[in-house]
Amino acid sequence: MKKTMSRTRKGVYVLPNLFTSMNLFCGFYSVIAAINGQFENAAISIFVAIVFDILDGKVARATNTTSRFGVEYDSLADLISFGLAPGLLIYLWALQPMGRLGWLAAFLFTVCGALRLARFNAMADTAPGSDFTGLPIPGAAAMAATTLLLCERTLVNFVEWPVVPMVMLYVLSFLMVSNVRYSSFKKHSLFKRFNFHVLVACILVFVFIAAEPPVALFLISLSYVLSGPLGLLRRSKTEEGAAADILGEEKLDS
């Protein structure tokens, strides 16, 4: 009986790391596909890696099999799949004509992703919370990949305007290392009950993605990237309004 339980525990602990390994595999394949000029396949591989990245965290938390090894392994896989792969992909797709400026933009994206992951690991134990500090590296990778897919779908060519994807990489790099807060969706579990309308909304999103994958994924990625700065503006206005109300009450009291 004890041997069976021990084997079960070991098998459960292997499961989230298998998802992480598949994440790493997709990132590595994305690099190979980008080098071979198969840019759409490379972008799609990044999205598949995002799915595996979500699953490994959800499975680990649901089965209570989180470990320090898993966290470190996940970060190393994320650096390849969401740091190196998107940076190299955008460089080979659009930034090569810019020479040194092009590959430096791709390098900046990669190094800011590494810094983002290092900061997350350093703050994970000391400052746990429901929000991320800075744009998560999978979100930045999704924005880069969906931009490529949308441009390929609409036949937009950035050969004459490589500065546009370069600026995108700079903005994403800044957001990753900024203090802008992003929702982590940790409160939303795959293994808990939701309202019926949530299920309907999820089905509608899946239908939208199935009908127009490049457009839908681009809009979803853009909405998440913009949610951080927009939330910052909303909170600043709320704080200014609260400060104005307090000042008005003080004047009335005096």
Protein backbone atom coordinates (compact mmCIF):
# COMPACT_ATOMS: atom_id res chain seq x y z
CA MET A 1 0.00 0.00 0.00
CA LYS A 2 2.79 2.42 0.91
CA LYS A 3 4.67 1.57 -2.28
CA THR A 4 1.55 2.33 -4.33
CA MET A 5 1.04 5.69 -2.63
CA SER A 6 4.71 6.55 -3.14
CA ARG A 7 4.50 5.73 -6.83
CA THR A 8 1.34 7.80 -7.16
CA ARG A 9 2.98 10.81 -5.56
CA LYS A 10 6.02 10.54 -7.80
CA GLY A 11 3.77 10.25 -10.86
CA VAL A 12 1.79 13.32 -9.83
CA TYR A 13 4.98 15.34 -9.34
CA VAL A 14 6.18 14.35 -12.81
CA LEU A 15 2.99 15.60 -14.48
CA PRO A 16 3.47 19.40 -14.20
CA ASN A 17 7.13 19.07 -15.21
CA LEU A 18 6.03 17.17 -18.32
CA PHE A 19 3.87 20.14 -19.27
CA THR A 20 6.87 22.39 -18.68
CA SER A 21 8.98 20.13 -20.92
CA MET A 22 6.37 20.44 -23.67
CA ASN A 23 6.50 24.20 -23.20
CA LEU A 24 10.27 24.07 -23.72
CA PHE A 25 9.89 21.77 -26.73
CA CYS A 26 7.50 24.23 -28.41
CA GLY A 27 9.88 27.11 -27.73
CA PHE A 28 12.79 25.20 -29.22
CA TYR A 29 10.74 24.25 -32.26
CA SER A 30 9.74 27.90 -32.69
CA VAL A 31 13.42 28.85 -32.86
CA ILE A 32 14.08 26.15 -35.50
CA ALA A 33 11.02 27.16 -37.53
CA ALA A 34 12.02 30.85 -37.45
CA ILE A 35 15.54 30.04 -38.64
CA ASN A 36 14.03 28.02 -41.52
CA GLY A 37 11.78 30.92 -42.49
CA GLN A 38 8.57 29.23 -41.31
CA PHE A 39 7.40 32.28 -39.39
CA GLU A 40 3.74 31.35 -38.98
CA ASN A 41 4.64 27.93 -37.60
CA ALA A 42 7.06 29.60 -35.20
CA ALA A 43 4.37 32.00 -33.95
CA ILE A 44 1.83 29.19 -33.53
CA SER A 45 4.39 27.16 -31.57
CA ILE A 46 4.76 30.07 -29.14
CA PHE A 47 1.00 29.96 -28.52
CA VAL A 48 1.05 26.23 -27.92
CA ALA A 49 3.88 26.84 -25.44
CA ILE A 50 1.67 29.38 -23.64
CA VAL A 51 -1.05 26.75 -23.29
CA PHE A 52 1.40 24.27 -21.75
CA ASP A 53 2.76 27.02 -19.48
CA ILE A 54 -0.75 27.73 -18.18
CA LEU A 55 -1.48 24.05 -17.68
CA ASP A 56 1.68 23.24 -15.72
CA GLY A 57 0.90 25.95 -13.16
CA LYS A 58 -2.78 25.03 -12.91
CA VAL A 59 -2.04 21.32 -12.54
CA ALA A 60 0.70 21.94 -9.96
CA ARG A 61 -1.59 24.11 -7.82
CA ALA A 62 -4.62 21.82 -8.22
CA THR A 63 -2.64 18.72 -7.19
CA ASN A 64 -0.58 20.59 -4.56
CA THR A 65 2.66 19.53 -6.28
CA THR A 66 4.40 22.89 -6.52
CA SER A 67 8.12 22.76 -5.79
CA ARG A 68 11.19 24.94 -6.02
CA PHE A 69 12.52 22.70 -8.78
CA GLY A 70 9.33 23.19 -10.77
CA VAL A 71 9.48 26.97 -10.39
CA GLU A 72 13.09 27.16 -11.58
CA TYR A 73 12.52 24.72 -14.43
CA ASP A 74 9.45 26.66 -15.53
CA SER A 75 11.43 29.92 -15.59
CA LEU A 76 14.18 28.39 -17.71
CA ALA A 77 11.62 27.03 -20.15
CA ASP A 78 9.82 30.40 -20.26
CA LEU A 79 13.05 32.20 -21.10
CA ILE A 80 13.49 30.03 -24.20
CA SER A 81 9.84 29.93 -25.29
CA PHE A 82 8.80 33.50 -24.47
CA GLY A 83 12.11 35.39 -24.43
CA LEU A 84 14.51 34.00 -27.01
CA ALA A 85 11.97 32.53 -29.48
CA PRO A 86 9.81 35.69 -29.96
CA GLY A 87 12.84 37.99 -30.08
CA LEU A 88 14.56 35.86 -32.72
CA LEU A 89 11.30 35.44 -34.61
CA ILE A 90 10.61 39.18 -34.91
CA TYR A 91 14.24 39.84 -35.84
CA LEU A 92 14.30 37.27 -38.65
CA TRP A 93 10.84 38.30 -39.82
CA ALA A 94 11.19 42.09 -39.95
CA LEU A 95 14.27 43.55 -38.24
CA GLN A 96 17.13 42.12 -40.28
CA PRO A 97 17.23 45.17 -42.62
CA MET A 98 18.00 47.37 -39.60
CA GLY A 99 21.25 45.52 -38.90
CA ARG A 100 22.66 46.14 -35.44
CA LEU A 101 19.62 48.11 -34.27
CA GLY A 102 17.42 45.18 -35.22
CA TRP A 103 19.21 42.44 -33.32
CA LEU A 104 19.79 44.76 -30.36
CA ALA A 105 16.01 45.24 -30.10
CA ALA A 106 15.57 41.46 -30.13
CA PHE A 107 18.29 41.10 -27.49
CA LEU A 108 16.67 43.77 -25.31
CA PHE A 109 13.39 41.86 -25.45
CA THR A 110 15.16 38.66 -24.39
CA VAL A 111 17.17 40.21 -21.56
CA CYS A 112 14.15 42.12 -20.19
CA GLY A 113 12.25 38.83 -20.22
CA ALA A 114 15.08 37.24 -18.22
CA LEU A 115 15.03 40.14 -15.75
CA ARG A 116 11.25 39.85 -15.46
CA LEU A 117 11.51 36.15 -14.61
CA ALA A 118 14.34 36.72 -12.13
CA ARG A 119 12.37 39.46 -10.36
CA PHE A 120 9.28 37.28 -10.23
CA ASN A 121 11.21 34.40 -8.64
CA ALA A 122 12.87 36.75 -6.15
CA MET A 123 9.54 38.31 -5.12
CA ALA A 124 7.44 35.13 -5.18
CA ASP A 125 8.09 34.25 -1.54
CA THR A 126 8.34 37.77 -0.11
CA ALA A 127 5.47 39.51 -1.91
CA PRO A 128 2.79 37.03 -2.96
CA GLY A 129 -0.33 38.53 -4.48
CA SER A 130 -3.04 38.24 -7.08
CA ASP A 131 -1.32 40.68 -9.48
CA PHE A 132 1.91 40.60 -11.46
CA THR A 133 4.43 43.42 -11.25
CA GLY A 134 5.27 44.15 -14.87
CA LEU A 135 3.95 42.52 -18.03
CA PRO A 136 4.33 38.72 -17.76
CA ILE A 137 6.74 37.35 -20.33
CA PRO A 138 4.08 35.04 -21.90
CA GLY A 139 1.91 38.12 -22.48
CA ALA A 140 4.76 39.92 -24.23
CA ALA A 141 5.48 36.82 -26.34
CA ALA A 142 1.79 36.52 -27.27
CA MET A 143 1.72 40.15 -28.40
CA ALA A 144 4.76 39.63 -30.64
CA ALA A 145 3.44 36.35 -32.09
CA THR A 146 -0.09 37.66 -32.75
CA THR A 147 1.27 40.75 -34.47
CA LEU A 148 3.15 38.51 -36.89
CA LEU A 149 0.13 36.26 -37.47
CA LEU A 150 -2.17 39.25 -38.08
CA CYS A 151 0.28 40.82 -40.54
CA GLU A 152 0.66 37.52 -42.39
CA ARG A 153 -3.13 37.21 -42.50
CA THR A 154 -3.61 40.73 -43.85
CA LEU A 155 -0.48 40.59 -46.05
CA VAL A 156 1.10 43.56 -44.27
CA ASN A 157 4.83 43.69 -44.99
CA PHE A 158 7.15 45.52 -42.59
CA VAL A 159 10.19 45.33 -44.88
CA GLU A 160 9.79 49.03 -45.68
CA TRP A 161 8.81 50.01 -42.10
CA PRO A 162 10.87 47.79 -39.78
CA VAL A 163 10.81 50.56 -37.19
CA VAL A 164 7.22 49.57 -36.25
CA PRO A 165 8.01 46.07 -34.92
CA MET A 166 11.21 47.45 -33.39
CA VAL A 167 9.23 50.01 -31.37
CA MET A 168 6.82 47.23 -30.36
CA LEU A 169 9.71 45.20 -28.93
CA TYR A 170 10.99 48.26 -27.03
CA VAL A 171 7.54 48.95 -25.54
CA LEU A 172 7.04 45.31 -24.54
CA SER A 173 10.53 45.21 -23.02
CA PHE A 174 9.79 48.31 -20.95
CA LEU A 175 6.46 46.95 -19.74
CA MET A 176 8.07 43.68 -18.63
CA VAL A 177 10.53 45.42 -16.29
CA SER A 178 8.14 48.21 -15.22
CA ASN A 179 6.12 48.38 -12.01
CA VAL A 180 2.81 48.36 -13.90
CA ARG A 181 0.43 45.83 -12.35
CA TYR A 182 -1.20 43.08 -14.42
CA SER A 183 -3.83 40.58 -13.35
CA SER A 184 -2.43 37.10 -12.82
CA PHE A 185 -5.85 35.36 -12.87
CA LYS A 186 -4.67 33.20 -9.96
CA LYS A 187 -8.07 33.55 -8.34
CA HIS A 188 -9.65 31.81 -11.33
CA SER A 189 -9.17 28.05 -11.12
CA LEU A 190 -10.01 25.46 -13.77
CA PHE A 191 -11.27 23.14 -11.05
CA LYS A 192 -13.91 25.28 -9.31
CA ARG A 193 -17.50 26.11 -10.07
CA PHE A 194 -18.38 29.22 -12.06
CA ASN A 195 -21.55 31.02 -12.97
CA PHE A 196 -23.35 29.65 -16.04
CA HIS A 197 -22.76 32.93 -17.89
CA VAL A 198 -19.00 32.44 -17.53
CA LEU A 199 -19.30 29.19 -19.48
CA VAL A 200 -21.31 30.95 -22.19
CA ALA A 201 -18.72 33.72 -22.40
CA CYS A 202 -15.90 31.17 -22.71
CA ILE A 203 -17.74 29.38 -25.51
CA LEU A 204 -18.24 32.69 -27.36
CA VAL A 205 -14.53 33.46 -27.03
CA PHE A 206 -13.64 30.04 -28.42
CA VAL A 207 -16.04 30.55 -31.33
CA PHE A 208 -14.46 33.94 -32.08
CA ILE A 209 -10.98 32.40 -31.98
CA ALA A 210 -12.07 29.53 -34.23
CA ALA A 211 -13.66 31.92 -36.75
CA GLU A 212 -10.77 34.40 -37.00
CA PRO A 213 -7.76 33.08 -35.05
CA PRO A 214 -5.21 35.82 -35.96
CA VAL A 215 -7.63 38.70 -35.33
CA ALA A 216 -9.08 37.22 -32.14
CA LEU A 217 -5.72 36.31 -30.61
CA PHE A 218 -4.28 39.71 -31.53
CA LEU A 219 -7.18 41.57 -29.88
CA ILE A 220 -6.98 39.40 -26.76
CA SER A 221 -3.21 39.91 -26.47
CA LEU A 222 -3.49 43.65 -27.12
CA SER A 223 -6.27 43.99 -24.54
CA TYR A 224 -4.12 42.31 -21.89
CA VAL A 225 -1.03 44.38 -22.73
CA LEU A 226 -3.07 47.61 -22.53
CA SER A 227 -4.89 46.55 -19.35
CA GLY A 228 -1.81 47.37 -17.25
CA PRO A 229 -1.31 51.02 -18.34
CA LEU A 230 -5.07 51.64 -18.42
CA GLY A 231 -5.44 50.22 -14.92
CA LEU A 232 -2.59 52.45 -13.76
CA LEU A 233 -4.36 55.52 -15.17
CA ARG A 234 -7.64 54.49 -13.57
CA ARG A 235 -6.03 53.98 -10.16
CA SER A 236 -4.20 57.32 -10.39
CA LYS A 237 -7.44 59.13 -11.18
CA THR A 238 -9.18 57.35 -8.31
CA GLU A 239 -6.40 58.33 -5.92
CA GLU A 240 -6.50 61.94 -7.15
CA GLY A 241 -10.26 62.02 -6.62
CA ALA A 242 -9.91 60.59 -3.11
CA ALA A 243 -7.19 63.12 -2.29
CA ALA A 244 -9.37 65.95 -3.58
CA ASP A 245 -12.30 64.76 -1.44
CA ILE A 246 -10.11 64.60 1.66
CA LEU A 247 -8.75 68.10 0.95
CA GLY A 248 -12.29 69.42 0.48
CA GLU A 249 -13.41 67.91 3.79
CA GLU A 250 -10.43 69.45 5.57
CA LYS A 251 -11.30 72.88 4.16
CA LEU A 252 -14.90 72.51 5.32
CA ASP A 253 -13.79 71.51 8.80
CA SER A 254 -11.47 74.48 9.03
